Amino acid sequence: MASVEHIETETPVAGEGVRRRDFINIAAVSFAGVGAVAVVLPLINQMNPSADVLALASTEVDLSAIQPGQAIKTTFRAQPLFVRHLTPDEIAKADAVDASSLRDPQTLEERTVDGKKQWLVTMGVCTHLGCVPLGAGEGENKGEFGGYFCPCHGSSYDTAARIRKGPAPTNLMVPEYKYTSDTAILVG
């Protein structure tokens, strides 16, 4: 009969192998996480606005020189901005329109700041294809509703810059702005 030798081997301590394996797994996952961040961070960072856009992130507009019935063109984030000082007649015409009958229903109150209904601030970009409407400059065609007229495709806006006729789907956009004094606003 052959004898079977029993060889005793040293067995590792119960938790030592598991701890070593856990350390290797944690180190590998951490290394992969740092690598993922190193790859993703530049991709996300390139989506941030450039320095020249950030410099134009807000625009201050002096309202003191704008007479009732007059509008000015300025720029905000490299796009035209219209600031119009509405006359009592223009306000009455805007209020006389039933907002529910409009394509993009908004009242003049919804498009202006409380207590400053005479000041209408809108982006000067037609919502159809991005042309610059007429009506903010002296002697320009204001369209049949007395607001703005887009010469590219014939969209007409009323005195509250609401779309009334033509292919534009929505009203001229009102940007975020606040009054810094009675005669100045900060857009953006």
C-alpha atoms as a PDB file:
ATOM      1  CA  MET A   1       0.000   0.000   0.000  1.00  0.00           C
ATOM      2  CA  ALA A   2       1.181   3.326  -0.909  1.00  0.00           C
ATOM      3  CA  SER A   3       1.327   5.779   1.820  1.00  0.00           C
ATOM      4  CA  VAL A   4      -0.215   9.133   1.346  1.00  0.00           C
ATOM      5  CA  GLU A   5       1.852  11.859   2.674  1.00  0.00           C
ATOM      6  CA  HIS A   6       0.116  14.675   4.243  1.00  0.00           C
ATOM      7  CA  ILE A   7       1.880  17.905   3.558  1.00  0.00           C
ATOM      8  CA  GLU A   8       0.998  20.732   5.752  1.00  0.00           C
ATOM      9  CA  THR A   9       0.999  24.088   4.118  1.00  0.00           C
ATOM     10  CA  GLU A  10       0.828  27.395   5.765  1.00  0.00           C
ATOM     11  CA  THR A  11      -2.657  28.814   5.405  1.00  0.00           C
ATOM     12  CA  PRO A  12      -3.027  32.542   5.103  1.00  0.00           C
ATOM     13  CA  VAL A  13      -4.668  34.482   7.833  1.00  0.00           C
ATOM     14  CA  ALA A  14      -8.403  34.535   7.180  1.00  0.00           C
ATOM     15  CA  GLY A  15      -8.913  38.243   6.283  1.00  0.00           C
ATOM     16  CA  GLU A  16      -5.511  39.113   4.781  1.00  0.00           C
ATOM     17  CA  GLY A  17      -6.163  37.954   1.189  1.00  0.00           C
ATOM     18  CA  VAL A  18      -9.545  39.603   1.072  1.00  0.00           C
ATOM     19  CA  ARG A  19      -8.167  42.900   2.333  1.00  0.00           C
ATOM     20  CA  ARG A  20      -5.398  42.879  -0.256  1.00  0.00           C
ATOM     21  CA  ARG A  21      -7.886  42.118  -3.038  1.00  0.00           C
ATOM     22  CA  ASP A  22     -10.239  44.860  -1.821  1.00  0.00           C
ATOM     23  CA  PHE A  23      -7.387  47.356  -1.834  1.00  0.00           C
ATOM     24  CA  ILE A  24      -6.493  46.450  -5.418  1.00  0.00           C
ATOM     25  CA  ASN A  25     -10.134  46.755  -6.511  1.00  0.00           C
ATOM     26  CA  ILE A  26     -10.585  50.126  -4.796  1.00  0.00           C
ATOM     27  CA  ALA A  27      -7.316  51.399  -6.252  1.00  0.00           C
ATOM     28  CA  ALA A  28      -8.309  50.269  -9.773  1.00  0.00           C
ATOM     29  CA  VAL A  29     -11.773  51.870  -9.538  1.00  0.00           C
ATOM     30  CA  SER A  30     -10.275  55.081  -8.145  1.00  0.00           C
ATOM     31  CA  PHE A  31      -7.705  55.195 -10.944  1.00  0.00           C
ATOM     32  CA  ALA A  32     -10.464  54.664 -13.535  1.00  0.00           C
ATOM     33  CA  GLY A  33     -12.581  57.402 -11.902  1.00  0.00           C
ATOM     34  CA  VAL A  34      -9.720  59.907 -12.015  1.00  0.00           C
ATOM     35  CA  GLY A  35      -9.118  58.967 -15.656  1.00  0.00           C
ATOM     36  CA  ALA A  36     -12.819  59.463 -16.493  1.00  0.00           C
ATOM     37  CA  VAL A  37     -12.825  62.890 -14.827  1.00  0.00           C
ATOM     38  CA  ALA A  38      -9.666  63.842 -16.708  1.00  0.00           C
ATOM     39  CA  VAL A  39     -11.395  62.960 -19.990  1.00  0.00           C
ATOM     40  CA  VAL A  40     -14.871  64.356 -19.255  1.00  0.00           C
ATOM     41  CA  LEU A  41     -13.865  67.660 -17.617  1.00  0.00           C
ATOM     42  CA  PRO A  42     -12.370  69.215 -20.784  1.00  0.00           C
ATOM     43  CA  LEU A  43     -15.409  68.082 -22.777  1.00  0.00           C
ATOM     44  CA  ILE A  44     -17.784  69.796 -20.359  1.00  0.00           C
ATOM     45  CA  ASN A  45     -15.550  72.858 -20.014  1.00  0.00           C
ATOM     46  CA  GLN A  46     -15.563  73.482 -23.772  1.00  0.00           C
ATOM     47  CA  MET A  47     -19.359  73.947 -23.563  1.00  0.00           C
ATOM     48  CA  ASN A  48     -18.971  76.971 -21.267  1.00  0.00           C
ATOM     49  CA  PRO A  49     -19.413  80.378 -22.889  1.00  0.00           C
ATOM     50  CA  SER A  50     -16.279  82.062 -24.175  1.00  0.00           C
ATOM     51  CA  ALA A  51     -14.736  85.061 -22.415  1.00  0.00           C
ATOM     52  CA  ASP A  52     -16.125  87.564 -24.930  1.00  0.00           C
ATOM     53  CA  VAL A  53     -19.665  86.247 -24.348  1.00  0.00           C
ATOM     54  CA  LEU A  54     -19.230  86.355 -20.573  1.00  0.00           C
ATOM     55  CA  ALA A  55     -18.094  89.963 -20.860  1.00  0.00           C
ATOM     56  CA  LEU A  56     -21.446  90.745 -22.485  1.00  0.00           C
ATOM     57  CA  ALA A  57     -23.428  88.753 -19.917  1.00  0.00           C
ATOM     58  CA  SER A  58     -25.252  91.890 -18.803  1.00  0.00           C
ATOM     59  CA  THR A  59     -25.975  95.255 -20.354  1.00  0.00           C
ATOM     60  CA  GLU A  60     -26.948  98.446 -18.575  1.00  0.00           C
ATOM     61  CA  VAL A  61     -29.346 100.731 -20.427  1.00  0.00           C
ATOM     62  CA  ASP A  62     -29.971 104.393 -19.558  1.00  0.00           C
ATOM     63  CA  LEU A  63     -33.681 105.141 -19.988  1.00  0.00           C
ATOM     64  CA  SER A  64     -33.514 108.885 -19.286  1.00  0.00           C
ATOM     65  CA  ALA A  65     -32.958 109.928 -22.928  1.00  0.00           C
ATOM     66  CA  ILE A  66     -35.785 107.803 -24.395  1.00  0.00           C
ATOM     67  CA  GLN A  67     -38.870 109.944 -24.986  1.00  0.00           C
ATOM     68  CA  PRO A  68     -42.452 108.546 -24.945  1.00  0.00           C
ATOM     69  CA  GLY A  69     -43.165 106.920 -28.312  1.00  0.00           C
ATOM     70  CA  GLN A  70     -39.461 106.407 -28.992  1.00  0.00           C
ATOM     71  CA  ALA A  71     -37.476 103.157 -29.037  1.00  0.00           C
ATOM     72  CA  ILE A  72     -33.752 102.469 -29.058  1.00  0.00           C
ATOM     73  CA  LYS A  73     -31.643  99.605 -30.336  1.00  0.00           C
ATOM     74  CA  THR A  74     -28.718  98.360 -28.311  1.00  0.00           C
ATOM     75  CA  THR A  75     -27.029  94.984 -27.991  1.00  0.00           C
ATOM     76  CA  PHE A  76     -27.243  92.234 -25.425  1.00  0.00           C
ATOM     77  CA  ARG A  77     -25.143  89.072 -25.832  1.00  0.00           C
ATOM     78  CA  ALA A  78     -24.285  90.094 -29.405  1.00  0.00           C
ATOM     79  CA  GLN A  79     -27.979  90.328 -30.370  1.00  0.00           C
ATOM     80  CA  PRO A  80     -30.146  93.412 -30.891  1.00  0.00           C
ATOM     81  CA  LEU A  81     -32.142  94.611 -27.898  1.00  0.00           C
ATOM     82  CA  PHE A  82     -35.132  96.962 -28.249  1.00  0.00           C
ATOM     83  CA  VAL A  83     -36.158  99.280 -25.425  1.00  0.00           C
ATOM     84  CA  ARG A  84     -39.409 101.145 -26.110  1.00  0.00           C
ATOM     85  CA  HIS A  85     -41.018 103.927 -24.071  1.00  0.00           C
ATOM     86  CA  LEU A  86     -44.709 103.360 -24.714  1.00  0.00           C
ATOM     87  CA  THR A  87     -47.144 106.284 -24.920  1.00  0.00           C
ATOM     88  CA  PRO A  88     -50.485 106.124 -23.088  1.00  0.00           C
ATOM     89  CA  ASP A  89     -52.116 105.572 -26.527  1.00  0.00           C
ATOM     90  CA  GLU A  90     -49.810 102.620 -27.305  1.00  0.00           C
ATOM     91  CA  ILE A  91     -50.525 101.124 -23.866  1.00  0.00           C
ATOM     92  CA  ALA A  92     -54.287 101.523 -24.459  1.00  0.00           C
ATOM     93  CA  LYS A  93     -54.000  99.815 -27.874  1.00  0.00           C
ATOM     94  CA  ALA A  94     -52.085  96.904 -26.342  1.00  0.00           C
ATOM     95  CA  ASP A  95     -54.566  96.561 -23.463  1.00  0.00           C
ATOM     96  CA  ALA A  96     -57.554  96.658 -25.860  1.00  0.00           C
ATOM     97  CA  VAL A  97     -56.464  93.402 -27.523  1.00  0.00           C
ATOM     98  CA  ASP A  98     -57.993  90.227 -26.098  1.00  0.00           C
ATOM     99  CA  ALA A  99     -54.891  88.203 -25.205  1.00  0.00           C
ATOM    100  CA  SER A 100     -56.723  84.887 -25.698  1.00  0.00           C
ATOM    101  CA  SER A 101     -57.187  85.749 -29.383  1.00  0.00           C
ATOM    102  CA  LEU A 102     -53.417  85.962 -29.958  1.00  0.00           C
ATOM    103  CA  ARG A 103     -51.196  83.208 -31.349  1.00  0.00           C
ATOM    104  CA  ASP A 104     -48.891  83.571 -28.322  1.00  0.00           C
ATOM    105  CA  PRO A 105     -51.277  84.907 -25.647  1.00  0.00           C
ATOM    106  CA  GLN A 106     -49.635  87.424 -23.301  1.00  0.00           C
ATOM    107  CA  THR A 107     -50.844  90.687 -21.861  1.00  0.00           C
ATOM    108  CA  LEU A 108     -48.736  93.830 -21.726  1.00  0.00           C
ATOM    109  CA  GLU A 109     -48.581  93.403 -17.929  1.00  0.00           C
ATOM    110  CA  GLU A 110     -47.003  89.959 -18.381  1.00  0.00           C
ATOM    111  CA  ARG A 111     -44.360  91.439 -20.693  1.00  0.00           C
ATOM    112  CA  THR A 112     -43.369  94.382 -18.468  1.00  0.00           C
ATOM    113  CA  VAL A 113     -42.287  94.941 -14.871  1.00  0.00           C
ATOM    114  CA  ASP A 114     -44.982  95.837 -12.310  1.00  0.00           C
ATOM    115  CA  GLY A 115     -45.456  99.578 -12.074  1.00  0.00           C
ATOM    116  CA  LYS A 116     -43.338 100.232 -15.195  1.00  0.00           C
ATOM    117  CA  LYS A 117     -45.865  99.360 -17.896  1.00  0.00           C
ATOM    118  CA  GLN A 118     -44.575 102.157 -20.140  1.00  0.00           C
ATOM    119  CA  TRP A 119     -41.187 100.412 -20.621  1.00  0.00           C
ATOM    120  CA  LEU A 120     -41.086  97.442 -22.978  1.00  0.00           C
ATOM    121  CA  VAL A 121     -37.776  95.581 -23.254  1.00  0.00           C
ATOM    122  CA  THR A 122     -37.509  92.858 -25.913  1.00  0.00           C
ATOM    123  CA  MET A 123     -34.894  91.063 -27.935  1.00  0.00           C
ATOM    124  CA  GLY A 124     -34.773  92.453 -31.479  1.00  0.00           C
ATOM    125  CA  VAL A 125     -34.808  89.061 -33.160  1.00  0.00           C
ATOM    126  CA  CYS A 126     -37.828  87.815 -35.123  1.00  0.00           C
ATOM    127  CA  THR A 127     -38.973  84.460 -33.786  1.00  0.00           C
ATOM    128  CA  HIS A 128     -39.497  83.103 -37.304  1.00  0.00           C
ATOM    129  CA  LEU A 129     -35.977  82.910 -38.754  1.00  0.00           C
ATOM    130  CA  GLY A 130     -33.969  85.390 -36.700  1.00  0.00           C
ATOM    131  CA  CYS A 131     -34.130  88.547 -38.806  1.00  0.00           C
ATOM    132  CA  VAL A 132     -34.028  91.949 -37.097  1.00  0.00           C
ATOM    133  CA  PRO A 133     -37.469  93.609 -37.222  1.00  0.00           C
ATOM    134  CA  LEU A 134     -37.921  97.274 -38.108  1.00  0.00           C
ATOM    135  CA  GLY A 135     -39.705  99.733 -35.859  1.00  0.00           C
ATOM    136  CA  ALA A 136     -37.152 100.683 -33.224  1.00  0.00           C
ATOM    137  CA  GLY A 137     -35.376 103.287 -35.346  1.00  0.00           C
ATOM    138  CA  GLU A 138     -36.673 106.736 -36.267  1.00  0.00           C
ATOM    139  CA  GLY A 139     -38.873 106.575 -39.384  1.00  0.00           C
ATOM    140  CA  GLU A 140     -38.739 102.784 -39.707  1.00  0.00           C
ATOM    141  CA  ASN A 141     -41.785 100.769 -40.770  1.00  0.00           C
ATOM    142  CA  LYS A 142     -43.634  99.686 -37.615  1.00  0.00           C
ATOM    143  CA  GLY A 143     -46.087  97.446 -39.469  1.00  0.00           C
ATOM    144  CA  GLU A 144     -49.855  97.599 -39.480  1.00  0.00           C
ATOM    145  CA  PHE A 145     -50.113  97.131 -35.696  1.00  0.00           C
ATOM    146  CA  GLY A 146     -47.724  99.949 -34.762  1.00  0.00           C
ATOM    147  CA  GLY A 147     -45.038  97.819 -33.128  1.00  0.00           C
ATOM    148  CA  TYR A 148     -42.408  96.069 -35.209  1.00  0.00           C
ATOM    149  CA  PHE A 149     -42.294  94.713 -38.756  1.00  0.00           C
ATOM    150  CA  CYS A 150     -39.952  91.968 -39.952  1.00  0.00           C
ATOM    151  CA  PRO A 151     -38.958  92.713 -43.553  1.00  0.00           C
ATOM    152  CA  CYS A 152     -37.711  89.176 -44.234  1.00  0.00           C
ATOM    153  CA  HIS A 153     -41.065  87.358 -44.244  1.00  0.00           C
ATOM    154  CA  GLY A 154     -43.638  89.973 -43.194  1.00  0.00           C
ATOM    155  CA  SER A 155     -44.276  89.223 -39.523  1.00  0.00           C
ATOM    156  CA  SER A 156     -46.054  92.111 -37.787  1.00  0.00           C
ATOM    157  CA  TYR A 157     -45.895  92.757 -34.054  1.00  0.00           C
ATOM    158  CA  ASP A 158     -48.092  95.128 -32.041  1.00  0.00           C
ATOM    159  CA  THR A 159     -47.060  97.824 -29.554  1.00  0.00           C
ATOM    160  CA  ALA A 160     -46.455  95.118 -26.917  1.00  0.00           C
ATOM    161  CA  ALA A 161     -44.169  93.211 -29.369  1.00  0.00           C
ATOM    162  CA  ARG A 162     -46.722  90.402 -29.658  1.00  0.00           C
ATOM    163  CA  ILE A 163     -47.028  88.531 -32.956  1.00  0.00           C
ATOM    164  CA  ARG A 164     -50.192  89.547 -34.770  1.00  0.00           C
ATOM    165  CA  LYS A 165     -49.636  88.550 -38.398  1.00  0.00           C
ATOM    166  CA  GLY A 166     -47.117  86.566 -40.424  1.00  0.00           C
ATOM    167  CA  PRO A 167     -45.120  83.369 -39.983  1.00  0.00           C
ATOM    168  CA  ALA A 168     -43.434  84.118 -36.626  1.00  0.00           C
ATOM    169  CA  PRO A 169     -44.652  81.545 -34.077  1.00  0.00           C
ATOM    170  CA  THR A 170     -44.138  83.541 -30.873  1.00  0.00           C
ATOM    171  CA  ASN A 171     -43.846  87.074 -29.508  1.00  0.00           C
ATOM    172  CA  LEU A 172     -40.511  88.883 -29.397  1.00  0.00           C
ATOM    173  CA  MET A 173     -38.681  87.502 -26.392  1.00  0.00           C
ATOM    174  CA  VAL A 174     -38.494  89.546 -23.185  1.00  0.00           C
ATOM    175  CA  PRO A 175     -35.077  89.004 -21.540  1.00  0.00           C
ATOM    176  CA  GLU A 176     -34.535  89.003 -17.792  1.00  0.00           C
ATOM    177  CA  TYR A 177     -33.904  92.524 -16.548  1.00  0.00           C
ATOM    178  CA  LYS A 178     -34.231  94.639 -13.424  1.00  0.00           C
ATOM    179  CA  TYR A 179     -34.323  98.314 -12.607  1.00  0.00           C
ATOM    180  CA  THR A 180     -31.165  99.619 -10.961  1.00  0.00           C
ATOM    181  CA  SER A 181     -32.725 103.082 -10.615  1.00  0.00           C
ATOM    182  CA  ASP A 182     -35.743 104.958 -11.976  1.00  0.00           C
ATOM    183  CA  THR A 183     -33.812 105.716 -15.158  1.00  0.00           C
ATOM    184  CA  ALA A 184     -31.661 102.612 -15.694  1.00  0.00           C
ATOM    185  CA  ILE A 185     -32.106  98.895 -16.224  1.00  0.00           C
ATOM    186  CA  LEU A 186     -29.676  95.996 -16.091  1.00  0.00           C
ATOM    187  CA  VAL A 187     -30.424  93.325 -18.691  1.00  0.00           C
ATOM    188  CA  GLY A 188     -29.117  89.847 -17.951  1.00  0.00           C
END
